[in-house]
Amino acid sequence: MTWLKMEGKYVDEIPVLALTLAKMEIPMKIVRYQSADGIHYGVECEGRIERITGDPFQAIERTGQMDYLYDVRLLCPVERPRIFGVAYNYRQHTDESGKEQPTLPVLFMKPSTAASGNGDAIEYPSDGEIVHYEAELVAIIGKGGRHIRKEHALQHVLGYTCGNDISDRIIQRQESKFGCLLAGKGYDTFAPMGPAITTDLDPTNLDVILRQNGTVKQAGNTRDLVYSVADIVAYLSRFMTLLAGDVIMTGTPAGVGPIVPGDDLEVEIPGIGVLKNPVVPAPH
């Protein structure tokens, strides 16, 4: 299948319905889910999911086959993705961290095994001391590329989802002294994302909210990002080829704080949905 550029987005040439949606710029909620007969992608609407053929990174080709949300389990929107993160991308969070304001995007990566989905447990390390939540807008690359110009960058984004960049601060601080940032953010389950990839959103004005046990702890907006989604996509592509299915965690607003086993965390971005994850002790 091929992609067709229309209204600033890349969509598949068929079917007609998908093309019509692209013209109208009606957001689609794309989910990856486990049903009784396997793992599928589909387009969710009002409690039902219409399956698509294959994955959404080549084409959004509807099959007409329906599943119900109550009959399936939502999974991480991308299977084993490359996960890029941007640190200190909200000025108030940088201030609360006691760091200097960045003069270029501060990048790190999380291993693909850190990725998990809506409803999956965040495993609190057995030797953990200070582990924090970080609510984030996550951009999902739909069309890869290299040396992408900023003015074209959002054409390479399939859509957006909610993310939680869980971080072990003790390990992170030890690593940071030597200029690295991996293990403290790289535990299995430390990058929950979901519940859906929502297309056709304006990433420059989205609320990012985190609730811990029902209490709001973070309440930011992406208009306060130091480096926008377009900035980050263009910058990353200077150094490496971005691939369809790559995910970019764009940074967290002020208000980060500790978690403990027994907590229930919710990351909400209106227009996308609510990512819910319990915190449990890691198995020994």
C-alpha atoms as a PDB file:
ATOM      1  CA  MET A   1       0.000   0.000   0.000  1.00  0.00           C
ATOM      2  CA  THR A   2       1.070   3.601  -0.498  1.00  0.00           C
ATOM      3  CA  TRP A   3       0.581   6.822   1.409  1.00  0.00           C
ATOM      4  CA  LEU A   4      -1.188   9.833  -0.065  1.00  0.00           C
ATOM      5  CA  LYS A   5      -0.380  13.309   1.214  1.00  0.00           C
ATOM      6  CA  MET A   6      -3.537  15.300   1.839  1.00  0.00           C
ATOM      7  CA  GLU A   7      -4.306  18.227   4.154  1.00  0.00           C
ATOM      8  CA  GLY A   8      -0.843  17.911   5.681  1.00  0.00           C
ATOM      9  CA  LYS A   9      -1.246  14.218   6.547  1.00  0.00           C
ATOM     10  CA  TYR A  10      -0.197  10.971   4.916  1.00  0.00           C
ATOM     11  CA  VAL A  11      -3.089   8.562   4.487  1.00  0.00           C
ATOM     12  CA  ASP A  12      -3.572   5.478   2.401  1.00  0.00           C
ATOM     13  CA  GLU A  13      -5.171   5.845  -1.026  1.00  0.00           C
ATOM     14  CA  ILE A  14      -7.930   3.421  -0.053  1.00  0.00           C
ATOM     15  CA  PRO A  15     -10.522   2.924   1.236  1.00  0.00           C
ATOM     16  CA  VAL A  16     -12.727   5.857   0.332  1.00  0.00           C
ATOM     17  CA  LEU A  17     -13.953   6.172   3.918  1.00  0.00           C
ATOM     18  CA  ALA A  18     -10.435   6.657   5.292  1.00  0.00           C
ATOM     19  CA  LEU A  19      -9.739   9.251   2.605  1.00  0.00           C
ATOM     20  CA  THR A  20     -12.954  11.082   3.443  1.00  0.00           C
ATOM     21  CA  LEU A  21     -11.997  11.156   7.114  1.00  0.00           C
ATOM     22  CA  ALA A  22      -8.611  12.609   6.236  1.00  0.00           C
ATOM     23  CA  LYS A  23     -10.234  15.356   4.159  1.00  0.00           C
ATOM     24  CA  MET A  24     -12.561  16.227   7.010  1.00  0.00           C
ATOM     25  CA  GLU A  25      -9.686  16.022   9.522  1.00  0.00           C
ATOM     26  CA  ILE A  26     -11.822  13.955  11.869  1.00  0.00           C
ATOM     27  CA  PRO A  27      -9.559  12.343  14.481  1.00  0.00           C
ATOM     28  CA  MET A  28      -9.387   8.564  14.496  1.00  0.00           C
ATOM     29  CA  LYS A  29      -8.572   6.553  17.601  1.00  0.00           C
ATOM     30  CA  ILE A  30      -6.389   3.648  16.579  1.00  0.00           C
ATOM     31  CA  VAL A  31      -5.953   0.864  19.137  1.00  0.00           C
ATOM     32  CA  ARG A  32      -3.863  -2.278  19.329  1.00  0.00           C
ATOM     33  CA  TYR A  33      -5.621  -5.032  21.219  1.00  0.00           C
ATOM     34  CA  GLN A  34      -5.781  -8.700  22.167  1.00  0.00           C
ATOM     35  CA  SER A  35      -8.955 -10.535  21.266  1.00  0.00           C
ATOM     36  CA  ALA A  36      -9.869 -14.204  21.480  1.00  0.00           C
ATOM     37  CA  ASP A  37      -8.376 -14.877  18.043  1.00  0.00           C
ATOM     38  CA  GLY A  38      -5.162 -12.862  18.256  1.00  0.00           C
ATOM     39  CA  ILE A  39      -3.657  -9.382  18.283  1.00  0.00           C
ATOM     40  CA  HIS A  40      -5.076  -6.748  15.965  1.00  0.00           C
ATOM     41  CA  TYR A  41      -5.177  -3.047  15.189  1.00  0.00           C
ATOM     42  CA  GLY A  42      -8.495  -1.299  14.817  1.00  0.00           C
ATOM     43  CA  VAL A  43     -10.302   2.029  14.828  1.00  0.00           C
ATOM     44  CA  GLU A  44     -12.286   2.565  18.031  1.00  0.00           C
ATOM     45  CA  CYS A  45     -15.559   4.467  18.167  1.00  0.00           C
ATOM     46  CA  GLU A  46     -18.216   4.469  20.876  1.00  0.00           C
ATOM     47  CA  GLY A  47     -17.182   1.210  22.479  1.00  0.00           C
ATOM     48  CA  ARG A  48     -16.682  -0.716  19.248  1.00  0.00           C
ATOM     49  CA  ILE A  49     -13.503  -1.433  17.302  1.00  0.00           C
ATOM     50  CA  GLU A  50     -13.416  -1.935  13.556  1.00  0.00           C
ATOM     51  CA  ARG A  51     -10.455  -4.088  12.668  1.00  0.00           C
ATOM     52  CA  ILE A  52      -7.963  -2.939  10.075  1.00  0.00           C
ATOM     53  CA  THR A  53      -5.721  -5.087   7.915  1.00  0.00           C
ATOM     54  CA  GLY A  54      -2.173  -5.329   9.253  1.00  0.00           C
ATOM     55  CA  ASP A  55      -0.908  -2.233  11.050  1.00  0.00           C
ATOM     56  CA  PRO A  56      -1.652   1.470  10.568  1.00  0.00           C
ATOM     57  CA  PHE A  57       1.884   2.389   9.490  1.00  0.00           C
ATOM     58  CA  GLN A  58       1.412   1.172   5.929  1.00  0.00           C
ATOM     59  CA  ALA A  59      -2.301   1.745   5.457  1.00  0.00           C
ATOM     60  CA  ILE A  60      -5.527   2.120   7.362  1.00  0.00           C
ATOM     61  CA  GLU A  61      -7.584  -0.457   5.496  1.00  0.00           C
ATOM     62  CA  ARG A  62     -10.813  -1.293   7.267  1.00  0.00           C
ATOM     63  CA  THR A  63     -12.231  -4.834   7.221  1.00  0.00           C
ATOM     64  CA  GLY A  64     -15.754  -4.214   8.508  1.00  0.00           C
ATOM     65  CA  GLN A  65     -15.207  -6.782  11.288  1.00  0.00           C
ATOM     66  CA  MET A  66     -16.203  -5.431  14.687  1.00  0.00           C
ATOM     67  CA  ASP A  67     -15.036  -6.151  18.215  1.00  0.00           C
ATOM     68  CA  TYR A  68     -16.305  -4.644  21.456  1.00  0.00           C
ATOM     69  CA  LEU A  69     -14.040  -2.896  23.935  1.00  0.00           C
ATOM     70  CA  TYR A  70     -15.433  -4.955  26.810  1.00  0.00           C
ATOM     71  CA  ASP A  71     -14.414  -8.167  25.019  1.00  0.00           C
ATOM     72  CA  VAL A  72     -10.758  -7.256  24.392  1.00  0.00           C
ATOM     73  CA  ARG A  73      -7.623  -6.136  26.216  1.00  0.00           C
ATOM     74  CA  LEU A  74      -5.924  -2.976  25.025  1.00  0.00           C
ATOM     75  CA  LEU A  75      -2.179  -3.293  24.445  1.00  0.00           C
ATOM     76  CA  CYS A  76       0.668  -0.834  24.066  1.00  0.00           C
ATOM     77  CA  PRO A  77      -0.209   1.008  20.821  1.00  0.00           C
ATOM     78  CA  VAL A  78       3.106  -0.046  19.240  1.00  0.00           C
ATOM     79  CA  GLU A  79       4.774  -3.431  19.718  1.00  0.00           C
ATOM     80  CA  ARG A  80       8.335  -3.178  21.038  1.00  0.00           C
ATOM     81  CA  PRO A  81       8.935   0.370  19.757  1.00  0.00           C
ATOM     82  CA  ARG A  82      12.106   2.408  19.731  1.00  0.00           C
ATOM     83  CA  ILE A  83      11.404   4.903  22.520  1.00  0.00           C
ATOM     84  CA  PHE A  84      12.965   8.363  22.407  1.00  0.00           C
ATOM     85  CA  GLY A  85      12.618  10.719  25.345  1.00  0.00           C
ATOM     86  CA  VAL A  86      13.184  14.446  25.801  1.00  0.00           C
ATOM     87  CA  ALA A  87      14.341  15.615  29.225  1.00  0.00           C
ATOM     88  CA  TYR A  88      13.804  19.080  30.718  1.00  0.00           C
ATOM     89  CA  ASN A  89      11.356  20.111  28.000  1.00  0.00           C
ATOM     90  CA  TYR A  90       9.093  22.172  30.289  1.00  0.00           C
ATOM     91  CA  ARG A  91      10.809  25.132  31.963  1.00  0.00           C
ATOM     92  CA  GLN A  92       8.988  24.724  35.282  1.00  0.00           C
ATOM     93  CA  HIS A  93       9.960  21.050  35.503  1.00  0.00           C
ATOM     94  CA  THR A  94      13.584  21.977  34.777  1.00  0.00           C
ATOM     95  CA  ASP A  95      13.398  24.545  37.583  1.00  0.00           C
ATOM     96  CA  GLU A  96      11.972  22.025  40.061  1.00  0.00           C
ATOM     97  CA  SER A  97      14.769  19.620  39.081  1.00  0.00           C
ATOM     98  CA  GLY A  98      17.412  22.233  39.872  1.00  0.00           C
ATOM     99  CA  LYS A  99      18.900  22.066  36.373  1.00  0.00           C
ATOM    100  CA  GLU A 100      19.965  24.731  33.904  1.00  0.00           C
ATOM    101  CA  GLN A 101      17.561  25.449  31.087  1.00  0.00           C
ATOM    102  CA  PRO A 102      18.585  23.406  28.009  1.00  0.00           C
ATOM    103  CA  THR A 103      19.957  25.075  24.886  1.00  0.00           C
ATOM    104  CA  LEU A 104      19.180  22.068  22.681  1.00  0.00           C
ATOM    105  CA  PRO A 105      16.886  19.041  23.053  1.00  0.00           C
ATOM    106  CA  VAL A 106      18.194  16.749  25.809  1.00  0.00           C
ATOM    107  CA  LEU A 107      17.603  13.259  24.434  1.00  0.00           C
ATOM    108  CA  PHE A 108      17.631   9.763  25.891  1.00  0.00           C
ATOM    109  CA  MET A 109      16.240   6.361  24.950  1.00  0.00           C
ATOM    110  CA  LYS A 110      14.302   3.728  26.820  1.00  0.00           C
ATOM    111  CA  PRO A 111      14.546   0.068  25.749  1.00  0.00           C
ATOM    112  CA  SER A 112      11.635  -1.430  23.867  1.00  0.00           C
ATOM    113  CA  THR A 113      11.037  -3.833  26.759  1.00  0.00           C
ATOM    114  CA  ALA A 114      10.049  -0.849  28.927  1.00  0.00           C
ATOM    115  CA  ALA A 115       6.905  -0.386  26.829  1.00  0.00           C
ATOM    116  CA  SER A 116       3.580  -1.509  28.262  1.00  0.00           C
ATOM    117  CA  GLY A 117      -0.065  -0.672  27.760  1.00  0.00           C
ATOM    118  CA  ASN A 118      -3.202   0.621  29.371  1.00  0.00           C
ATOM    119  CA  GLY A 119      -4.068  -1.346  32.491  1.00  0.00           C
ATOM    120  CA  ASP A 120      -0.665  -3.025  32.711  1.00  0.00           C
ATOM    121  CA  ALA A 121       1.108  -2.898  36.049  1.00  0.00           C
ATOM    122  CA  ILE A 122       4.138  -0.694  36.677  1.00  0.00           C
ATOM    123  CA  GLU A 123       6.601  -2.865  38.583  1.00  0.00           C
ATOM    124  CA  TYR A 124       8.261  -1.060  41.483  1.00  0.00           C
ATOM    125  CA  PRO A 125      11.874  -2.294  41.741  1.00  0.00           C
ATOM    126  CA  SER A 126      12.659  -4.426  44.765  1.00  0.00           C
ATOM    127  CA  ASP A 127      15.570  -2.118  45.609  1.00  0.00           C
ATOM    128  CA  GLY A 128      13.803   1.078  44.564  1.00  0.00           C
ATOM    129  CA  GLU A 129      13.970   4.092  46.863  1.00  0.00           C
ATOM    130  CA  ILE A 130      12.710   7.115  44.923  1.00  0.00           C
ATOM    131  CA  VAL A 131      10.683   6.283  41.808  1.00  0.00           C
ATOM    132  CA  HIS A 132       8.712   9.054  40.089  1.00  0.00           C
ATOM    133  CA  TYR A 133       5.834   9.374  37.618  1.00  0.00           C
ATOM    134  CA  GLU A 134       6.149  11.701  34.602  1.00  0.00           C
ATOM    135  CA  ALA A 135       3.043  12.313  32.479  1.00  0.00           C
ATOM    136  CA  GLU A 136       3.835  13.012  28.831  1.00  0.00           C
ATOM    137  CA  LEU A 137       2.400  13.521  25.370  1.00  0.00           C
ATOM    138  CA  VAL A 138       3.790  10.808  23.097  1.00  0.00           C
ATOM    139  CA  ALA A 139       4.129  11.287  19.328  1.00  0.00           C
ATOM    140  CA  ILE A 140       3.955   8.169  17.130  1.00  0.00           C
ATOM    141  CA  ILE A 141       5.917   8.305  13.879  1.00  0.00           C
ATOM    142  CA  GLY A 142       3.847   7.105  10.927  1.00  0.00           C
ATOM    143  CA  LYS A 143       6.176   7.862   8.047  1.00  0.00           C
ATOM    144  CA  GLY A 144       9.908   7.568   8.627  1.00  0.00           C
ATOM    145  CA  GLY A 145      12.595   9.746   7.173  1.00  0.00           C
ATOM    146  CA  ARG A 146      15.938  11.477   7.512  1.00  0.00           C
ATOM    147  CA  HIS A 147      16.751  15.197   7.481  1.00  0.00           C
ATOM    148  CA  ILE A 148      13.100  16.122   7.925  1.00  0.00           C
ATOM    149  CA  ARG A 149      12.442  19.839   7.783  1.00  0.00           C
ATOM    150  CA  LYS A 150      10.538  21.345  10.710  1.00  0.00           C
ATOM    151  CA  GLU A 151       7.748  22.626   8.476  1.00  0.00           C
ATOM    152  CA  HIS A 152       7.180  19.067   7.213  1.00  0.00           C
ATOM    153  CA  ALA A 153       7.748  17.253  10.501  1.00  0.00           C
ATOM    154  CA  LEU A 154       4.133  16.791  11.592  1.00  0.00           C
ATOM    155  CA  GLN A 155       3.357  15.119   8.262  1.00  0.00           C
ATOM    156  CA  HIS A 156       5.523  12.248   9.543  1.00  0.00           C
ATOM    157  CA  VAL A 157       3.460  11.828  12.741  1.00  0.00           C
ATOM    158  CA  LEU A 158       0.646   9.283  12.616  1.00  0.00           C
ATOM    159  CA  GLY A 159      -0.870  10.477  15.889  1.00  0.00           C
ATOM    160  CA  TYR A 160      -0.467  10.923  19.615  1.00  0.00           C
ATOM    161  CA  THR A 161      -0.988   8.951  22.794  1.00  0.00           C
ATOM    162  CA  CYS A 162      -0.536   9.287  26.555  1.00  0.00           C
ATOM    163  CA  GLY A 163       2.670   8.145  28.224  1.00  0.00           C
ATOM    164  CA  ASN A 164       4.217   7.862  31.670  1.00  0.00           C
ATOM    165  CA  ASP A 165       8.013   8.070  31.819  1.00  0.00           C
ATOM    166  CA  ILE A 166       8.615   6.217  35.088  1.00  0.00           C
ATOM    167  CA  SER A 167      12.048   7.053  36.515  1.00  0.00           C
ATOM    168  CA  ASP A 168      14.207   5.653  39.309  1.00  0.00           C
ATOM    169  CA  ARG A 169      15.785   8.871  40.582  1.00  0.00           C
ATOM    170  CA  ILE A 170      18.573   7.258  42.602  1.00  0.00           C
ATOM    171  CA  ILE A 171      19.963   5.387  39.606  1.00  0.00           C
ATOM    172  CA  GLN A 172      19.235   8.329  37.306  1.00  0.00           C
ATOM    173  CA  ARG A 173      21.250  10.746  39.461  1.00  0.00           C
ATOM    174  CA  GLN A 174      24.175   8.352  39.661  1.00  0.00           C
ATOM    175  CA  GLU A 175      24.148   7.919  35.885  1.00  0.00           C
ATOM    176  CA  SER A 176      23.768  11.634  35.212  1.00  0.00           C
ATOM    177  CA  LYS A 177      27.034  12.404  37.004  1.00  0.00           C
ATOM    178  CA  PHE A 178      28.794  10.600  34.169  1.00  0.00           C
ATOM    179  CA  GLY A 179      26.663  11.967  31.341  1.00  0.00           C
ATOM    180  CA  CYS A 180      24.418   8.975  30.697  1.00  0.00           C
ATOM    181  CA  LEU A 181      20.743   8.227  31.217  1.00  0.00           C
ATOM    182  CA  LEU A 182      19.517   4.682  30.636  1.00  0.00           C
ATOM    183  CA  ALA A 183      19.104   2.215  33.484  1.00  0.00           C
ATOM    184  CA  GLY A 184      17.126   4.546  35.760  1.00  0.00           C
ATOM    185  CA  LYS A 185      14.494   4.952  33.064  1.00  0.00           C
ATOM    186  CA  GLY A 186      14.885   1.581  31.405  1.00  0.00           C
ATOM    187  CA  TYR A 187      13.303  -0.978  33.733  1.00  0.00           C
ATOM    188  CA  ASP A 188      10.691  -3.266  32.210  1.00  0.00           C
ATOM    189  CA  THR A 189       7.214  -1.616  32.493  1.00  0.00           C
ATOM    190  CA  PHE A 190       8.709   1.908  32.899  1.00  0.00           C
ATOM    191  CA  ALA A 191       7.111   3.268  29.693  1.00  0.00           C
ATOM    192  CA  PRO A 192       3.358   2.621  29.768  1.00  0.00           C
ATOM    193  CA  MET A 193       1.525   4.164  26.798  1.00  0.00           C
ATOM    194  CA  GLY A 194      -2.048   4.276  25.556  1.00  0.00           C
ATOM    195  CA  PRO A 195      -4.929   3.838  25.421  1.00  0.00           C
ATOM    196  CA  ALA A 196      -5.083   4.856  21.732  1.00  0.00           C
ATOM    197  CA  ILE A 197      -3.194   6.635  18.963  1.00  0.00           C
ATOM    198  CA  THR A 198      -5.326   9.653  18.122  1.00  0.00           C
ATOM    199  CA  THR A 199      -4.786  11.275  14.731  1.00  0.00           C
ATOM    200  CA  ASP A 200      -5.339  14.864  13.568  1.00  0.00           C
ATOM    201  CA  LEU A 201      -4.652  16.618  16.862  1.00  0.00           C
ATOM    202  CA  ASP A 202      -2.886  19.933  17.336  1.00  0.00           C
ATOM    203  CA  PRO A 203       0.107  18.962  19.520  1.00  0.00           C
ATOM    204  CA  THR A 204       0.818  22.594  20.442  1.00  0.00           C
ATOM    205  CA  ASN A 205      -2.164  23.003  22.782  1.00  0.00           C
ATOM    206  CA  LEU A 206      -2.988  19.822  24.679  1.00  0.00           C
ATOM    207  CA  ASP A 207      -3.548  19.501  28.419  1.00  0.00           C
ATOM    208  CA  VAL A 208      -1.386  16.880  30.147  1.00  0.00           C
ATOM    209  CA  ILE A 209      -2.795  15.715  33.488  1.00  0.00           C
ATOM    210  CA  LEU A 210      -1.624  13.101  35.978  1.00  0.00           C
ATOM    211  CA  ARG A 211      -3.712  11.790  38.844  1.00  0.00           C
ATOM    212  CA  GLN A 212      -2.291   9.670  41.644  1.00  0.00           C
ATOM    213  CA  ASN A 213      -4.993   7.783  43.517  1.00  0.00           C
ATOM    214  CA  GLY A 214      -7.536  10.248  42.142  1.00  0.00           C
ATOM    215  CA  THR A 215      -5.643  13.413  43.120  1.00  0.00           C
ATOM    216  CA  VAL A 216      -4.296  15.699  40.402  1.00  0.00           C
ATOM    217  CA  LYS A 217      -0.505  15.975  40.718  1.00  0.00           C
ATOM    218  CA  GLN A 218       0.435  17.349  37.295  1.00  0.00           C
ATOM    219  CA  ALA A 219      -1.543  19.761  35.133  1.00  0.00           C
ATOM    220  CA  GLY A 220       0.409  21.191  32.210  1.00  0.00           C
ATOM    221  CA  ASN A 221      -0.143  22.114  28.594  1.00  0.00           C
ATOM    222  CA  THR A 222       2.018  21.413  25.565  1.00  0.00           C
ATOM    223  CA  ARG A 223       2.034  25.098  24.638  1.00  0.00           C
ATOM    224  CA  ASP A 224       4.719  25.340  27.349  1.00  0.00           C
ATOM    225  CA  LEU A 225       7.054  22.840  25.661  1.00  0.00           C
ATOM    226  CA  VAL A 226      10.527  24.284  25.137  1.00  0.00           C
ATOM    227  CA  TYR A 227      10.895  22.211  21.969  1.00  0.00           C
ATOM    228  CA  SER A 228       7.708  21.391  20.075  1.00  0.00           C
ATOM    229  CA  VAL A 229       6.889  18.032  18.502  1.00  0.00           C
ATOM    230  CA  ALA A 230       7.934  19.450  15.122  1.00  0.00           C
ATOM    231  CA  ASP A 231      11.227  20.682  16.600  1.00  0.00           C
ATOM    232  CA  ILE A 232      11.973  17.276  18.115  1.00  0.00           C
ATOM    233  CA  VAL A 233      11.127  15.254  14.986  1.00  0.00           C
ATOM    234  CA  ALA A 234      13.284  17.518  12.812  1.00  0.00           C
ATOM    235  CA  TYR A 235      16.153  17.486  15.318  1.00  0.00           C
ATOM    236  CA  LEU A 236      16.185  13.713  15.788  1.00  0.00           C
ATOM    237  CA  SER A 237      16.135  13.130  12.042  1.00  0.00           C
ATOM    238  CA  ARG A 238      19.352  15.133  11.654  1.00  0.00           C
ATOM    239  CA  PHE A 239      21.224  12.299  13.344  1.00  0.00           C
ATOM    240  CA  MET A 240      19.303   9.144  12.515  1.00  0.00           C
ATOM    241  CA  THR A 241      16.621   7.761  10.252  1.00  0.00           C
ATOM    242  CA  LEU A 242      13.284   7.791  12.002  1.00  0.00           C
ATOM    243  CA  LEU A 243      11.187   4.678  11.423  1.00  0.00           C
ATOM    244  CA  ALA A 244       7.459   4.114  11.287  1.00  0.00           C
ATOM    245  CA  GLY A 245       6.414   3.028  14.764  1.00  0.00           C
ATOM    246  CA  ASP A 246       9.055   5.035  16.619  1.00  0.00           C
ATOM    247  CA  VAL A 247       7.624   6.805  19.673  1.00  0.00           C
ATOM    248  CA  ILE A 248       8.773  10.105  21.130  1.00  0.00           C
ATOM    249  CA  MET A 249       8.000  10.976  24.759  1.00  0.00           C
ATOM    250  CA  THR A 250       8.022  14.762  24.596  1.00  0.00           C
ATOM    251  CA  GLY A 251       8.733  15.717  28.199  1.00  0.00           C
ATOM    252  CA  THR A 252       6.827  16.184  31.441  1.00  0.00           C
ATOM    253  CA  PRO A 253       5.373  19.294  33.089  1.00  0.00           C
ATOM    254  CA  ALA A 254       6.079  20.338  36.664  1.00  0.00           C
ATOM    255  CA  GLY A 255       4.694  18.339  39.563  1.00  0.00           C
ATOM    256  CA  VAL A 256       6.599  15.054  39.323  1.00  0.00           C
ATOM    257  CA  GLY A 257       6.580  13.009  42.479  1.00  0.00           C
ATOM    258  CA  PRO A 258       7.131   9.594  44.067  1.00  0.00           C
ATOM    259  CA  ILE A 259       5.082   6.453  43.608  1.00  0.00           C
ATOM    260  CA  VAL A 260       4.718   3.400  45.841  1.00  0.00           C
ATOM    261  CA  PRO A 261       3.220  -0.052  45.343  1.00  0.00           C
ATOM    262  CA  GLY A 262      -0.548   0.161  45.680  1.00  0.00           C
ATOM    263  CA  ASP A 263      -0.833   3.453  43.790  1.00  0.00           C
ATOM    264  CA  ASP A 264      -3.139   3.921  40.845  1.00  0.00           C
ATOM    265  CA  LEU A 265      -1.836   6.327  38.216  1.00  0.00           C
ATOM    266  CA  GLU A 266      -3.827   8.002  35.465  1.00  0.00           C
ATOM    267  CA  VAL A 267      -2.440  10.112  32.643  1.00  0.00           C
ATOM    268  CA  GLU A 268      -5.140  12.038  30.806  1.00  0.00           C
ATOM    269  CA  ILE A 269      -4.832  14.068  27.629  1.00  0.00           C
ATOM    270  CA  PRO A 270      -8.252  15.302  26.478  1.00  0.00           C
ATOM    271  CA  GLY A 271      -8.853  14.209  22.913  1.00  0.00           C
ATOM    272  CA  ILE A 272      -6.784  11.061  23.436  1.00  0.00           C
ATOM    273  CA  GLY A 273      -8.109   9.420  26.583  1.00  0.00           C
ATOM    274  CA  VAL A 274      -6.890   8.161  29.941  1.00  0.00           C
ATOM    275  CA  LEU A 275      -3.927   5.832  30.471  1.00  0.00           C
ATOM    276  CA  LYS A 276      -4.419   3.848  33.698  1.00  0.00           C
ATOM    277  CA  ASN A 277      -1.739   1.791  35.431  1.00  0.00           C
ATOM    278  CA  PRO A 278      -1.492   0.301  38.918  1.00  0.00           C
ATOM    279  CA  VAL A 279       1.851   0.167  40.724  1.00  0.00           C
ATOM    280  CA  VAL A 280       2.845  -3.260  42.114  1.00  0.00           C
ATOM    281  CA  PRO A 281       5.991  -4.715  43.680  1.00  0.00           C
ATOM    282  CA  ALA A 282       8.327  -6.201  41.099  1.00  0.00           C
ATOM    283  CA  PRO A 283       8.562  -9.991  41.254  1.00  0.00           C
ATOM    284  CA  HIS A 284      11.760 -11.308  42.823  1.00  0.00           C
END
